[in-house]
Amino acid sequence: MTGTATYRYSNTSILSVAVADAPTVVTSAEIDEQLMATYDRLELQPGLLENLAGIVERRWWPTDVSFIDAAAMAGAKALADAGVDPHDVGLLIDTSVCRARLEPSSSIEVHHRLGMSSSCLAFDLSNACLGFVNGMQIASLMIDAGQIDYALIVDGEGSREVQEATIARLRMPETTRGDVMNNFATLTLGSGGAAMVLGRADTHSAGHRFVGGVARAASEHHDLCVGDFNGMRTDARGLLEAGVAISTVTWEDALKSFDWTDLDCYVMHQVSNVHTAAITGALKLDPKRVPLSFPLRGNIGPASVPFTLAMHQDQLVAGDRIACLGIGSGLNAAAIEIAW
């Protein structure tokens, strides 16, 4: 396996991390009810989303709320929490997987919505569920280099359209058991927004230091999870096995460079019960130190790691050491450390 990268940052701190929570609750029981005729015909048991994946519910945005709306709402909250003027931000990155168009970039509309300076560099960064962590890496490089004082990373995801399309497709009479299994992961998705403000550590002593981390790639698995505007096809077993394998290698590589033998909190990309248990077991982590958001929010893609961190930040205290673990289709994996 190739594609190793180990990195450390000397002067970057996280000043805030915030969420935009979608308001419409959609339970797994409601989805099962819509698919009951298909389950009966194919002799499938309902309840897999809740009993196996552990996802009781997920959220949807109202139809008049866009992915850009979600990203901008989270970004505005993060800036307010950090006490940073939008005009002082030198970099804006939108890492959303969900998008309604190919161009212009989503970031440029978020830039406009938030009233940011014309000197603020804005662009989209896409790398499946690992995009937000990659955005943190790029922002930290620019802060450490002295090119910018502040960076804002945003992400807005929505599962409503793809899940409505998938449910409609699975209700068709020609649907097979294989179709249901291949589309199972689509039904675990959720909606939400997340954002983070990063700044110079030497001018923000109360910030949370972004220490560094390790990334690895296993591109031979690029075909295990493929999504487009209409749906997502996933080899769930293959993705789990390959995900555990690359996570284990990434973690072992990180332990060679970082003292991560006894951290206070492990914020994982949120997928399901099965995924969390497999990764926690493989890395020999204490499950009590792994906060969860997927049972009530589902898999919110690249927003998942910052969303979970933000939802549990009130439980963290100064001096806590946190590892954030992410996996993205492709496959790519990363493990990073934050000194709270």
Protein backbone atom coordinates (compact mmCIF):
# COMPACT_ATOMS: atom_id res chain seq x y z
CA MET A 1 0.00 0.00 0.00
CA THR A 2 1.42 3.38 -1.00
CA GLY A 3 0.58 7.03 -0.56
CA THR A 4 1.80 7.73 2.97
CA ALA A 5 1.87 11.29 4.30
CA THR A 6 2.81 12.38 7.82
CA TYR A 7 2.50 16.04 8.73
CA ARG A 8 2.85 18.37 11.73
CA TYR A 9 1.73 21.96 12.16
CA SER A 10 3.50 24.56 14.29
CA ASN A 11 1.15 27.52 14.52
CA THR A 12 -2.44 26.52 13.75
CA SER A 13 -5.34 26.42 16.20
CA ILE A 14 -9.02 25.61 15.85
CA LEU A 15 -10.95 28.63 17.10
CA SER A 16 -14.47 27.24 16.69
CA VAL A 17 -16.43 24.34 15.25
CA ALA A 18 -20.17 24.66 14.64
CA VAL A 19 -23.12 22.85 13.09
CA ALA A 20 -26.28 23.61 11.17
CA ASP A 21 -28.78 20.93 12.15
CA ALA A 22 -31.45 19.94 9.65
CA PRO A 23 -34.94 20.19 11.20
CA THR A 24 -36.97 17.36 9.64
CA VAL A 25 -36.66 14.02 11.43
CA VAL A 26 -37.07 10.90 9.28
CA THR A 27 -37.04 7.64 11.21
CA SER A 28 -35.80 4.32 9.90
CA ALA A 29 -39.20 2.88 10.81
CA GLU A 30 -40.81 5.35 8.38
CA ILE A 31 -38.46 4.26 5.58
CA ASP A 32 -39.18 0.60 6.35
CA GLU A 33 -42.90 1.32 6.11
CA GLN A 34 -42.45 2.77 2.62
CA LEU A 35 -40.49 -0.30 1.53
CA MET A 36 -42.68 -2.91 3.24
CA ALA A 37 -44.21 -4.23 0.01
CA THR A 38 -40.71 -4.73 -1.44
CA TYR A 39 -39.52 -6.45 1.73
CA ASP A 40 -42.53 -8.77 1.72
CA ARG A 41 -42.09 -9.70 -1.93
CA LEU A 42 -38.35 -10.38 -1.52
CA GLU A 43 -38.78 -12.05 1.89
CA LEU A 44 -36.55 -9.50 3.59
CA GLN A 45 -36.89 -8.52 7.23
CA PRO A 46 -37.48 -4.83 7.96
CA GLY A 47 -35.46 -3.19 10.70
CA LEU A 48 -31.94 -3.55 9.29
CA LEU A 49 -31.38 0.21 9.29
CA GLU A 50 -32.10 0.45 13.01
CA ASN A 51 -31.11 -2.98 14.33
CA LEU A 52 -27.99 -3.60 12.25
CA ALA A 53 -26.76 -0.13 11.27
CA GLY A 54 -27.97 1.40 14.54
CA ILE A 55 -29.51 4.38 12.77
CA VAL A 56 -32.79 5.23 14.47
CA GLU A 57 -33.33 8.41 12.50
CA ARG A 58 -31.70 10.92 10.19
CA ARG A 59 -32.54 14.51 9.27
CA TRP A 60 -33.73 16.14 6.06
CA TRP A 61 -33.65 19.78 5.04
CA PRO A 62 -36.90 21.41 3.87
CA THR A 63 -37.14 21.46 0.08
CA ASP A 64 -36.35 25.20 -0.02
CA VAL A 65 -33.03 24.81 1.86
CA SER A 66 -30.05 24.12 -0.41
CA PHE A 67 -26.67 22.50 0.32
CA ILE A 68 -25.15 25.97 0.04
CA ASP A 69 -27.67 27.30 2.57
CA ALA A 70 -26.55 24.60 5.02
CA ALA A 71 -22.86 25.37 4.51
CA ALA A 72 -23.41 29.13 4.84
CA MET A 73 -25.49 28.75 8.01
CA ALA A 74 -22.78 26.63 9.63
CA GLY A 75 -20.09 29.05 8.46
CA ALA A 76 -21.88 32.07 9.91
CA LYS A 77 -22.26 30.27 13.25
CA ALA A 78 -18.57 29.26 13.34
CA LEU A 79 -17.43 32.83 12.60
CA ALA A 80 -19.70 34.25 15.29
CA ASP A 81 -18.51 31.67 17.83
CA ALA A 82 -14.87 32.46 17.02
CA GLY A 83 -15.45 36.22 17.12
CA VAL A 84 -13.80 36.55 13.70
CA ASP A 85 -14.90 39.19 11.20
CA PRO A 86 -15.64 37.63 7.77
CA HIS A 87 -13.44 40.33 6.17
CA ASP A 88 -10.42 38.99 8.07
CA VAL A 89 -10.68 35.47 6.63
CA GLY A 90 -8.06 34.73 3.99
CA LEU A 91 -9.26 31.28 2.89
CA LEU A 92 -12.68 29.68 2.43
CA ILE A 93 -12.97 26.00 1.48
CA ASP A 94 -16.29 24.24 0.82
CA THR A 95 -15.78 20.48 1.16
CA SER A 96 -19.36 19.38 0.45
CA VAL A 97 -20.01 16.21 -1.52
CA CYS A 98 -23.58 17.34 -2.26
CA ARG A 99 -23.97 19.97 -4.95
CA ALA A 100 -26.74 21.05 -7.26
CA ARG A 101 -24.45 22.23 -10.08
CA LEU A 102 -21.00 21.79 -11.54
CA GLU A 103 -20.06 25.47 -11.63
CA PRO A 104 -19.51 27.99 -10.24
CA SER A 105 -18.08 26.54 -7.05
CA SER A 106 -20.34 26.34 -4.00
CA SER A 107 -17.68 28.22 -2.04
CA ILE A 108 -18.12 31.36 -4.10
CA GLU A 109 -21.80 31.64 -3.14
CA VAL A 110 -20.97 30.96 0.52
CA HIS A 111 -18.31 33.69 0.17
CA HIS A 112 -20.98 36.10 -1.10
CA ARG A 113 -23.56 35.11 1.54
CA LEU A 114 -21.11 35.71 4.39
CA GLY A 115 -19.86 39.04 3.04
CA MET A 116 -16.24 37.99 2.79
CA SER A 117 -13.40 40.09 1.38
CA SER A 118 -12.42 39.99 -2.29
CA SER A 119 -8.92 39.05 -1.10
CA CYS A 120 -10.23 35.82 0.47
CA LEU A 121 -9.29 32.80 -1.64
CA ALA A 122 -12.37 30.58 -2.11
CA PHE A 123 -12.64 27.16 -3.72
CA ASP A 124 -14.31 23.75 -3.41
CA LEU A 125 -12.42 20.65 -2.32
CA SER A 126 -13.92 17.23 -2.99
CA ASN A 127 -12.61 13.96 -1.58
CA ALA A 128 -15.72 12.01 -0.54
CA CYS A 129 -16.10 11.79 3.25
CA LEU A 130 -12.50 12.89 3.90
CA GLY A 131 -12.84 16.32 2.29
CA PHE A 132 -13.25 18.32 5.50
CA VAL A 133 -10.08 16.87 7.04
CA ASN A 134 -8.23 17.65 3.80
CA GLY A 135 -9.53 21.20 4.03
CA MET A 136 -8.07 21.47 7.53
CA GLN A 137 -4.72 20.30 6.18
CA ILE A 138 -4.59 22.90 3.41
CA ALA A 139 -5.74 25.69 5.71
CA SER A 140 -3.09 24.81 8.29
CA LEU A 141 -0.34 24.85 5.68
CA MET A 142 -1.33 28.37 4.66
CA ILE A 143 -1.60 29.58 8.26
CA ASP A 144 1.76 28.07 9.20
CA ALA A 145 3.31 29.67 6.13
CA GLY A 146 2.08 33.09 7.25
CA GLN A 147 0.00 33.56 4.09
CA ILE A 148 -3.30 33.97 5.97
CA ASP A 149 -4.46 34.71 9.52
CA TYR A 150 -7.79 32.88 9.39
CA ALA A 151 -9.42 30.10 7.40
CA LEU A 152 -13.05 28.99 7.27
CA ILE A 153 -13.97 25.46 6.20
CA VAL A 154 -17.65 24.73 5.51
CA ASP A 155 -19.69 21.72 4.51
CA GLY A 156 -23.39 21.29 3.70
CA GLU A 157 -24.90 17.88 3.01
CA GLY A 158 -28.45 16.73 2.29
CA SER A 159 -29.85 13.23 1.85
CA ARG A 160 -33.47 14.03 1.06
CA GLU A 161 -33.35 13.96 -2.74
CA VAL A 162 -31.15 10.89 -3.10
CA GLN A 163 -33.13 8.96 -0.48
CA GLU A 164 -36.49 9.86 -2.00
CA ALA A 165 -35.19 8.73 -5.41
CA THR A 166 -33.75 5.53 -3.93
CA ILE A 167 -36.96 4.66 -2.06
CA ALA A 168 -39.01 5.23 -5.21
CA ARG A 169 -36.65 3.00 -7.21
CA LEU A 170 -36.69 0.22 -4.61
CA ARG A 171 -40.49 0.19 -4.59
CA MET A 172 -40.59 -0.78 -8.27
CA PRO A 173 -41.71 -4.36 -9.04
CA GLU A 174 -38.45 -5.32 -10.77
CA THR A 175 -36.34 -4.56 -7.68
CA THR A 176 -34.18 -7.50 -6.56
CA ARG A 177 -32.63 -8.44 -3.23
CA GLY A 178 -29.29 -7.35 -4.67
CA ASP A 179 -30.72 -3.91 -5.47
CA VAL A 180 -31.84 -3.49 -1.87
CA MET A 181 -28.43 -4.48 -0.50
CA ASN A 182 -26.51 -2.32 -2.99
CA ASN A 183 -28.59 0.72 -2.01
CA PHE A 184 -28.64 0.05 1.73
CA ALA A 185 -25.84 2.55 2.45
CA THR A 186 -27.80 5.31 0.70
CA LEU A 187 -30.55 4.94 3.28
CA THR A 188 -28.07 5.46 6.12
CA LEU A 189 -27.17 8.97 4.95
CA GLY A 190 -28.16 12.10 6.85
CA SER A 191 -28.31 15.85 6.38
CA GLY A 192 -26.47 18.63 8.16
CA GLY A 193 -23.91 21.38 7.95
CA ALA A 194 -20.60 21.90 9.74
CA ALA A 195 -17.95 24.60 9.76
CA MET A 196 -14.63 25.35 11.43
CA VAL A 197 -12.56 28.48 11.88
CA LEU A 198 -8.79 28.05 12.12
CA GLY A 199 -6.31 30.76 13.03
CA ARG A 200 -2.79 31.51 14.22
CA ALA A 201 -1.95 29.81 17.52
CA ASP A 202 0.49 32.54 18.53
CA THR A 203 -2.32 35.11 18.61
CA HIS A 204 -5.06 32.84 20.00
CA SER A 205 -3.83 31.17 23.17
CA ALA A 206 -7.32 29.84 23.97
CA GLY A 207 -7.55 27.97 20.68
CA HIS A 208 -7.25 24.22 20.21
CA ARG A 209 -3.98 23.27 18.55
CA PHE A 210 -4.10 21.25 15.34
CA VAL A 211 -1.04 19.07 15.97
CA GLY A 212 -0.85 17.06 12.75
CA GLY A 213 -1.58 13.58 11.50
CA VAL A 214 -1.16 10.81 8.99
CA ALA A 215 -2.96 10.02 5.72
CA ARG A 216 -2.97 6.94 3.52
CA ALA A 217 -4.55 5.91 0.23
CA ALA A 218 -5.72 2.54 -1.06
CA SER A 219 -6.92 3.44 -4.54
CA GLU A 220 -7.31 -0.19 -5.58
CA HIS A 221 -10.66 0.05 -3.79
CA HIS A 222 -11.97 2.97 -5.85
CA ASP A 223 -14.99 1.02 -7.12
CA LEU A 224 -16.43 -0.15 -3.77
CA CYS A 225 -18.65 2.91 -3.27
CA VAL A 226 -19.72 5.01 -6.25
CA GLY A 227 -22.31 7.77 -6.07
CA ASP A 228 -23.88 10.29 -8.41
CA PHE A 229 -26.85 12.65 -8.41
CA ASN A 230 -29.34 9.76 -8.52
CA GLY A 231 -27.99 7.31 -5.99
CA MET A 232 -25.10 5.46 -4.48
CA ARG A 233 -23.95 1.88 -5.20
CA THR A 234 -22.00 0.27 -2.37
CA ASP A 235 -20.34 -3.08 -1.76
CA ALA A 236 -21.02 -2.87 1.97
CA ARG A 237 -18.98 -5.90 3.03
CA GLY A 238 -16.06 -5.07 0.76
CA LEU A 239 -16.08 -1.45 1.90
CA LEU A 240 -16.11 -2.46 5.56
CA GLU A 241 -13.24 -4.91 5.18
CA ALA A 242 -11.12 -2.51 3.12
CA GLY A 243 -11.98 0.38 5.44
CA VAL A 244 -10.85 -1.54 8.51
CA ALA A 245 -7.65 -2.57 6.72
CA ILE A 246 -6.66 0.96 5.67
CA SER A 247 -7.67 2.37 9.06
CA THR A 248 -5.45 -0.15 10.82
CA VAL A 249 -2.46 0.63 8.61
CA THR A 250 -3.02 4.38 9.00
CA TRP A 251 -3.26 4.09 12.79
CA GLU A 252 -0.18 1.89 13.05
CA ASP A 253 1.73 4.38 10.90
CA ALA A 254 0.55 7.25 13.11
CA LEU A 255 1.77 5.52 16.26
CA LYS A 256 5.30 5.61 14.84
CA SER A 257 5.24 9.42 14.79
CA PHE A 258 2.71 10.40 17.47
CA ASP A 259 2.14 9.37 21.08
CA TRP A 260 -1.44 8.22 20.69
CA THR A 261 -1.45 5.30 23.12
CA ASP A 262 -3.94 6.85 25.56
CA LEU A 263 -5.95 9.74 24.11
CA ASP A 264 -8.99 11.27 25.77
CA CYS A 265 -11.41 11.14 22.83
CA TYR A 266 -11.66 9.49 19.40
CA VAL A 267 -13.96 11.26 16.94
CA MET A 268 -14.66 8.88 14.06
CA HIS A 269 -16.37 9.33 10.76
CA GLN A 270 -19.92 8.21 11.58
CA VAL A 271 -21.31 5.38 9.45
CA SER A 272 -23.03 2.68 11.52
CA ASN A 273 -22.85 0.38 14.51
CA VAL A 274 -21.02 -2.25 12.49
CA HIS A 275 -18.43 0.18 11.14
CA THR A 276 -17.79 1.81 14.52
CA ALA A 277 -17.44 -1.50 16.33
CA ALA A 278 -15.10 -2.88 13.66
CA ILE A 279 -12.79 0.16 13.68
CA THR A 280 -12.83 0.49 17.46
CA GLY A 281 -11.96 -3.18 17.85
CA ALA A 282 -9.27 -3.20 15.19
CA LEU A 283 -7.51 -0.15 16.67
CA LYS A 284 -8.06 -1.34 20.27
CA LEU A 285 -9.81 1.87 21.31
CA ASP A 286 -11.99 2.37 24.38
CA PRO A 287 -15.59 2.54 23.09
CA LYS A 288 -16.49 4.84 25.99
CA ARG A 289 -14.17 7.48 24.48
CA VAL A 290 -15.85 7.33 21.04
CA PRO A 291 -18.75 9.83 20.86
CA LEU A 292 -21.57 8.92 18.48
CA SER A 293 -23.81 11.02 16.28
CA PHE A 294 -24.94 8.45 13.68
CA PRO A 295 -27.84 6.94 15.72
CA LEU A 296 -29.86 10.17 15.40
CA ARG A 297 -28.16 11.88 12.43
CA GLY A 298 -26.94 9.09 10.13
CA ASN A 299 -23.85 9.41 7.95
CA ILE A 300 -23.46 13.11 7.07
CA GLY A 301 -20.52 12.53 4.75
CA PRO A 302 -17.54 14.89 5.16
CA ALA A 303 -19.53 16.94 7.69
CA SER A 304 -19.58 13.90 9.98
CA VAL A 305 -16.26 14.41 11.82
CA PRO A 306 -16.66 18.17 12.53
CA PHE A 307 -20.38 17.68 13.28
CA THR A 308 -19.64 15.00 15.88
CA LEU A 309 -16.80 17.06 17.36
CA ALA A 310 -19.04 20.12 17.63
CA MET A 311 -21.94 18.18 19.16
CA HIS A 312 -19.66 16.83 21.90
CA GLN A 313 -17.30 19.76 22.45
CA ASP A 314 -19.05 20.74 25.70
CA GLN A 315 -17.76 17.47 27.18
CA LEU A 316 -14.13 18.33 26.38
CA VAL A 317 -11.81 20.20 28.73
CA ALA A 318 -8.58 22.08 28.22
CA GLY A 319 -5.70 19.64 27.89
CA ASP A 320 -7.73 16.82 26.32
CA ARG A 321 -6.07 15.13 23.39
CA ILE A 322 -8.38 14.14 20.56
CA ALA A 323 -7.89 11.93 17.53
CA CYS A 324 -10.19 12.44 14.55
CA LEU A 325 -10.41 9.44 12.22
CA GLY A 326 -11.81 9.65 8.73
CA ILE A 327 -12.33 7.35 5.75
CA GLY A 328 -13.48 8.41 2.30
CA SER A 329 -14.54 6.42 -0.74
CA GLY A 330 -11.60 5.74 -2.95
CA LEU A 331 -10.27 4.69 -0.43
CA ASN A 332 -8.55 7.42 1.57
CA ALA A 333 -8.00 7.51 5.31
CA ALA A 334 -6.63 10.04 7.77
CA ALA A 335 -5.97 10.30 11.49
CA ILE A 336 -5.32 13.72 13.01
CA GLU A 337 -4.64 15.05 16.52
CA ILE A 338 -6.20 18.09 18.17
CA ALA A 339 -4.88 19.32 21.53
CA TRP A 340 -7.95 20.81 23.17
